[in-house]
Amino acid sequence: MGDNILSEGKPETQGAKKTVFVLNGPNLNLLGMREPDIYGSDTLDDIAGRLEDQAHALNLEVDIRQSNHEGHLVDWLHEAAADEAQAVILNAGALTHASIALHDAIKAIDVPVIEVHISNPAAREIFRHKSLIAPVAKGTICGFGALGYQLALDAISKF
């Protein structure tokens, strides 16, 4: 018997892994060097390695990206929707507090977004207290260091 074709015309793949986009914003390429008293000593590569291992155990795939440019993050949110991603983990960095474009992009897609912050923005400078992402995110994880990414991936595995 041939491939079982779904109504959308795609072959049915049993046990196919769903992708979770992990998007990191400005200055997160400097993790491990930038203010380690706030952000810890883990690099983005350290975090990525742990997420890849965890994703494998959860039968998920992660697509981990970083950009210092707002437009790239917007494009990648659109791509996550076009690719029918399971979810997006988003650490928008300082854009959290300033980007109406990210807010609108999240609102426009039908993919759950988990907002992640390594530090606790509410315990920092007042300009970091308001998130433009939180009102359109499925949830927010903050203040647990790099572990926040893993907590988000675990939550996503329950969707």
Protein backbone atom coordinates (compact mmCIF):
# COMPACT_ATOMS: atom_id res chain seq x y z
CA MET A 1 0.00 0.00 0.00
CA GLY A 2 1.31 3.52 -0.85
CA ASP A 3 1.64 6.62 1.31
CA ASN A 4 -1.45 7.59 3.25
CA ILE A 5 -2.31 11.02 1.86
CA LEU A 6 -3.99 13.54 4.14
CA SER A 7 -6.63 15.91 2.83
CA GLU A 8 -3.98 18.63 2.45
CA GLY A 9 -2.11 16.40 0.04
CA LYS A 10 0.88 15.83 2.33
CA PRO A 11 2.08 12.29 3.02
CA GLU A 12 1.25 11.15 6.53
CA THR A 13 4.41 10.62 8.54
CA GLN A 14 3.91 8.76 11.74
CA GLY A 15 5.93 10.16 14.60
CA ALA A 16 7.16 13.15 12.58
CA LYS A 17 8.95 15.67 14.77
CA LYS A 18 7.41 19.09 15.10
CA THR A 19 9.72 22.09 15.06
CA VAL A 20 10.03 24.68 17.79
CA PHE A 21 11.64 27.94 16.71
CA VAL A 22 13.91 29.46 19.38
CA LEU A 23 14.41 33.11 18.51
CA ASN A 24 16.88 35.33 20.31
CA GLY A 25 17.08 39.08 19.92
CA PRO A 26 19.66 41.82 20.30
CA ASN A 27 22.84 41.26 22.29
CA LEU A 28 22.04 37.64 23.15
CA ASN A 29 24.98 36.65 20.96
CA LEU A 30 27.08 38.08 23.82
CA LEU A 31 25.75 35.70 26.47
CA GLY A 32 28.56 34.37 28.63
CA MET A 33 30.47 37.65 28.27
CA ARG A 34 27.80 40.31 28.82
CA GLU A 35 27.00 41.13 32.44
CA PRO A 36 27.48 37.59 33.79
CA ASP A 37 26.18 38.73 37.19
CA ILE A 38 22.78 39.25 35.49
CA TYR A 39 22.80 36.78 32.59
CA GLY A 40 25.09 34.04 33.88
CA SER A 41 28.06 32.41 32.21
CA ASP A 42 26.20 30.21 29.70
CA THR A 43 26.70 31.11 26.06
CA LEU A 44 23.96 30.86 23.48
CA ASP A 45 25.75 27.74 22.17
CA ASP A 46 25.58 26.18 25.67
CA ILE A 47 21.85 26.84 25.81
CA ALA A 48 21.38 25.51 22.27
CA GLY A 49 23.19 22.26 23.08
CA ARG A 50 20.96 21.60 26.09
CA LEU A 51 17.83 22.45 24.10
CA GLU A 52 18.82 20.13 21.26
CA ASP A 53 19.32 17.26 23.72
CA GLN A 54 16.02 17.99 25.44
CA ALA A 55 14.16 18.33 22.14
CA HIS A 56 15.46 14.96 20.99
CA ALA A 57 14.16 13.36 24.20
CA LEU A 58 10.77 15.05 23.66
CA ASN A 59 10.55 14.02 19.97
CA LEU A 60 10.78 17.65 18.90
CA GLU A 61 13.21 19.59 16.75
CA VAL A 62 14.55 23.03 17.60
CA ASP A 63 15.54 25.69 15.11
CA ILE A 64 17.66 28.12 17.11
CA ARG A 65 18.43 31.58 15.73
CA GLN A 66 19.75 34.93 16.95
CA SER A 67 19.69 38.37 15.37
CA ASN A 68 20.41 41.90 16.48
CA HIS A 69 17.84 43.10 13.92
CA GLU A 70 14.13 43.43 14.66
CA GLY A 71 13.07 42.70 11.08
CA HIS A 72 14.79 39.30 11.12
CA LEU A 73 12.79 38.32 14.21
CA VAL A 74 9.55 39.45 12.53
CA ASP A 75 10.42 37.44 9.40
CA TRP A 76 11.23 34.37 11.49
CA LEU A 77 7.90 34.60 13.33
CA HIS A 78 6.16 34.64 9.94
CA GLU A 79 8.30 31.69 8.85
CA ALA A 80 7.32 29.74 11.98
CA ALA A 81 3.67 30.17 11.01
CA ALA A 82 4.28 29.25 7.35
CA ASP A 83 6.19 26.13 8.46
CA GLU A 84 3.41 25.19 10.91
CA ALA A 85 5.84 25.14 13.82
CA GLN A 86 4.71 23.61 17.10
CA ALA A 87 5.58 26.85 18.92
CA VAL A 88 8.11 29.65 19.27
CA ILE A 89 10.34 30.39 22.25
CA LEU A 90 11.18 34.09 22.02
CA ASN A 91 13.76 36.00 24.00
CA ALA A 92 13.39 39.39 22.34
CA GLY A 93 15.94 41.03 24.63
CA ALA A 94 15.49 44.80 24.85
CA LEU A 95 12.97 44.67 21.97
CA THR A 96 10.56 43.22 24.54
CA HIS A 97 10.00 46.73 25.83
CA ALA A 98 10.03 48.62 22.55
CA SER A 99 8.86 46.57 19.57
CA ILE A 100 5.31 47.09 18.41
CA ALA A 101 6.38 45.20 15.26
CA LEU A 102 7.10 42.02 17.27
CA HIS A 103 3.83 42.44 19.17
CA ASP A 104 1.92 42.72 15.89
CA ALA A 105 3.78 39.79 14.28
CA ILE A 106 2.95 37.50 17.20
CA LYS A 107 -0.66 38.64 17.15
CA ALA A 108 -0.85 37.92 13.41
CA ILE A 109 0.30 34.29 13.58
CA ASP A 110 -1.46 31.21 14.84
CA VAL A 111 1.56 29.71 16.58
CA PRO A 112 1.90 29.84 20.37
CA VAL A 113 4.79 32.01 21.55
CA ILE A 114 6.46 31.60 24.92
CA GLU A 115 8.32 34.73 26.05
CA VAL A 116 11.56 33.92 27.88
CA HIS A 117 13.90 36.15 29.84
CA ILE A 118 17.07 35.00 31.57
CA SER A 119 16.78 37.75 34.19
CA ASN A 120 13.65 38.98 35.92
CA PRO A 121 12.79 42.25 34.14
CA ALA A 122 10.40 43.27 36.93
CA ALA A 123 13.33 43.32 39.36
CA ARG A 124 15.46 45.53 37.13
CA GLU A 125 15.32 49.10 35.80
CA ILE A 126 11.82 50.55 35.51
CA PHE A 127 12.00 50.78 31.71
CA ARG A 128 12.23 46.95 31.64
CA HIS A 129 9.02 46.44 33.64
CA LYS A 130 6.62 46.62 30.69
CA SER A 131 6.63 43.93 28.04
CA LEU A 132 4.95 44.53 24.70
CA ILE A 133 5.29 40.79 24.05
CA ALA A 134 3.50 39.46 27.16
CA PRO A 135 -0.04 40.50 26.13
CA VAL A 136 0.18 38.41 22.93
CA ALA A 137 2.31 35.51 24.24
CA LYS A 138 0.86 32.27 25.51
CA GLY A 139 3.03 32.66 28.60
CA THR A 140 6.16 34.21 30.04
CA ILE A 141 9.07 32.57 31.88
CA CYS A 142 11.59 34.86 33.52
CA GLY A 143 14.16 34.97 36.26
CA PHE A 144 15.35 31.36 36.10
CA GLY A 145 18.49 32.01 34.08
CA ALA A 146 19.18 29.85 31.04
CA LEU A 147 16.92 27.17 32.55
CA GLY A 148 13.98 29.28 31.35
CA TYR A 149 14.48 28.02 27.81
CA GLN A 150 14.25 24.41 28.97
CA LEU A 151 11.16 25.17 31.06
CA ALA A 152 9.54 26.69 27.96
CA LEU A 153 10.41 23.66 25.82
CA ASP A 154 8.99 21.34 28.46
CA ALA A 155 5.75 23.34 28.52
CA ILE A 156 5.55 23.26 24.71
CA SER A 157 5.91 19.48 24.71
CA LYS A 158 2.58 19.36 26.58
CA PHE A 159 0.67 21.26 23.83
